[in-house]
Protein backbone atom coordinates (compact mmCIF):
# COMPACT_ATOMS: atom_id res chain seq x y z
CA UNK A 1 0.00 0.00 0.00
CA UNK A 2 2.79 2.42 0.87
CA UNK A 3 4.55 1.78 -2.45
CA UNK A 4 1.34 2.85 -4.22
CA UNK A 5 1.41 6.07 -2.17
CA UNK A 6 5.05 6.66 -3.05
CA UNK A 7 4.57 6.11 -6.79
CA UNK A 8 1.38 8.17 -6.84
CA UNK A 9 3.42 11.06 -5.44
CA UNK A 10 6.25 10.53 -7.93
CA UNK A 11 8.66 9.09 -5.36
CA UNK A 12 10.26 5.73 -6.04
CA UNK A 13 11.84 3.43 -3.47
CA UNK A 14 15.27 4.24 -4.91
CA UNK A 15 14.56 7.98 -4.62
CA UNK A 16 13.53 7.59 -1.01
CA UNK A 17 16.61 5.53 -0.15
CA UNK A 18 18.88 8.12 -1.78
CA UNK A 19 17.13 10.95 0.07
CA UNK A 20 17.52 9.14 3.39
CA UNK A 21 21.23 8.51 2.82
CA UNK A 22 21.71 12.11 1.67
CA UNK A 23 19.98 13.48 4.79
CA UNK A 24 21.99 11.26 7.12
CA UNK A 25 25.29 12.10 5.45
CA UNK A 26 24.71 15.77 6.36
CA UNK A 27 23.30 15.56 9.89
CA UNK A 28 22.33 13.27 12.75
CA UNK A 29 18.56 12.75 12.76
CA UNK A 30 16.09 10.58 14.62
CA UNK A 31 13.60 8.37 12.80
CA UNK A 32 10.83 10.89 13.51
CA UNK A 33 12.90 13.78 12.16
CA UNK A 34 13.66 11.88 8.96
CA UNK A 35 9.99 11.04 8.48
CA UNK A 36 8.99 14.67 8.98
CA UNK A 37 11.62 16.00 6.55
CA UNK A 38 10.58 13.49 3.88
CA UNK A 39 6.84 13.84 4.46
CA UNK A 40 6.26 10.15 5.17
CA UNK A 41 4.88 8.25 8.15
CA UNK A 42 7.30 7.36 10.95
CA UNK A 43 6.68 3.62 10.58
CA UNK A 44 7.48 3.79 6.86
CA UNK A 45 10.71 5.69 7.56
CA UNK A 46 11.65 3.14 10.24
CA UNK A 47 11.10 0.31 7.76
CA UNK A 48 13.32 1.91 5.13
CA UNK A 49 16.00 2.68 7.72
CA UNK A 50 15.97 -0.91 8.97
CA UNK A 51 16.20 -2.23 5.40
CA UNK A 52 19.15 0.06 4.64
CA UNK A 53 20.81 -1.10 7.87
CA UNK A 54 20.31 -4.74 6.82
CA UNK A 55 21.90 -3.92 3.44
CA UNK A 56 24.98 -2.59 5.26
CA UNK A 57 24.39 1.02 4.18
CA UNK A 58 23.46 2.40 7.63
CA UNK A 59 24.54 1.82 11.24
CA UNK A 60 22.08 1.88 14.14
CA UNK A 61 22.66 3.76 17.40
CA UNK A 62 20.51 4.33 20.46
CA UNK A 63 20.85 7.92 21.72
CA UNK A 64 18.79 8.34 24.86
CA UNK A 65 15.29 7.26 23.88
CA UNK A 66 15.84 7.98 20.18
CA UNK A 67 16.78 5.51 17.48
CA UNK A 68 19.41 7.10 15.26
CA UNK A 69 21.00 5.81 12.08
CA UNK A 70 24.25 6.94 10.48
CA UNK A 71 25.73 6.27 7.05
CA UNK A 72 28.24 3.41 7.18
CA UNK A 73 31.83 4.29 6.59
CA UNK A 74 33.46 2.16 3.94
CA UNK A 75 36.74 0.43 4.78
CA UNK A 76 38.60 2.43 2.12
CA UNK A 77 37.32 5.68 3.72
CA UNK A 78 38.98 4.88 7.04
């Protein structure tokens, strides 16, 4: 159902993933902040973030009560 919403609004899954990675490469944001900036529901943002984490593109951190994700650093970047 959410993918129908995304395509109806001209946003593809790839676009959303790129936007999430772009946002997180610039600043540290909570799941709720990411959802608000992208205009999507928090649960949808959390799902995409978890999928990107499982793909090895993001790292997960707990900061206080917030769930925060950061862009993974590649080995060659270190």
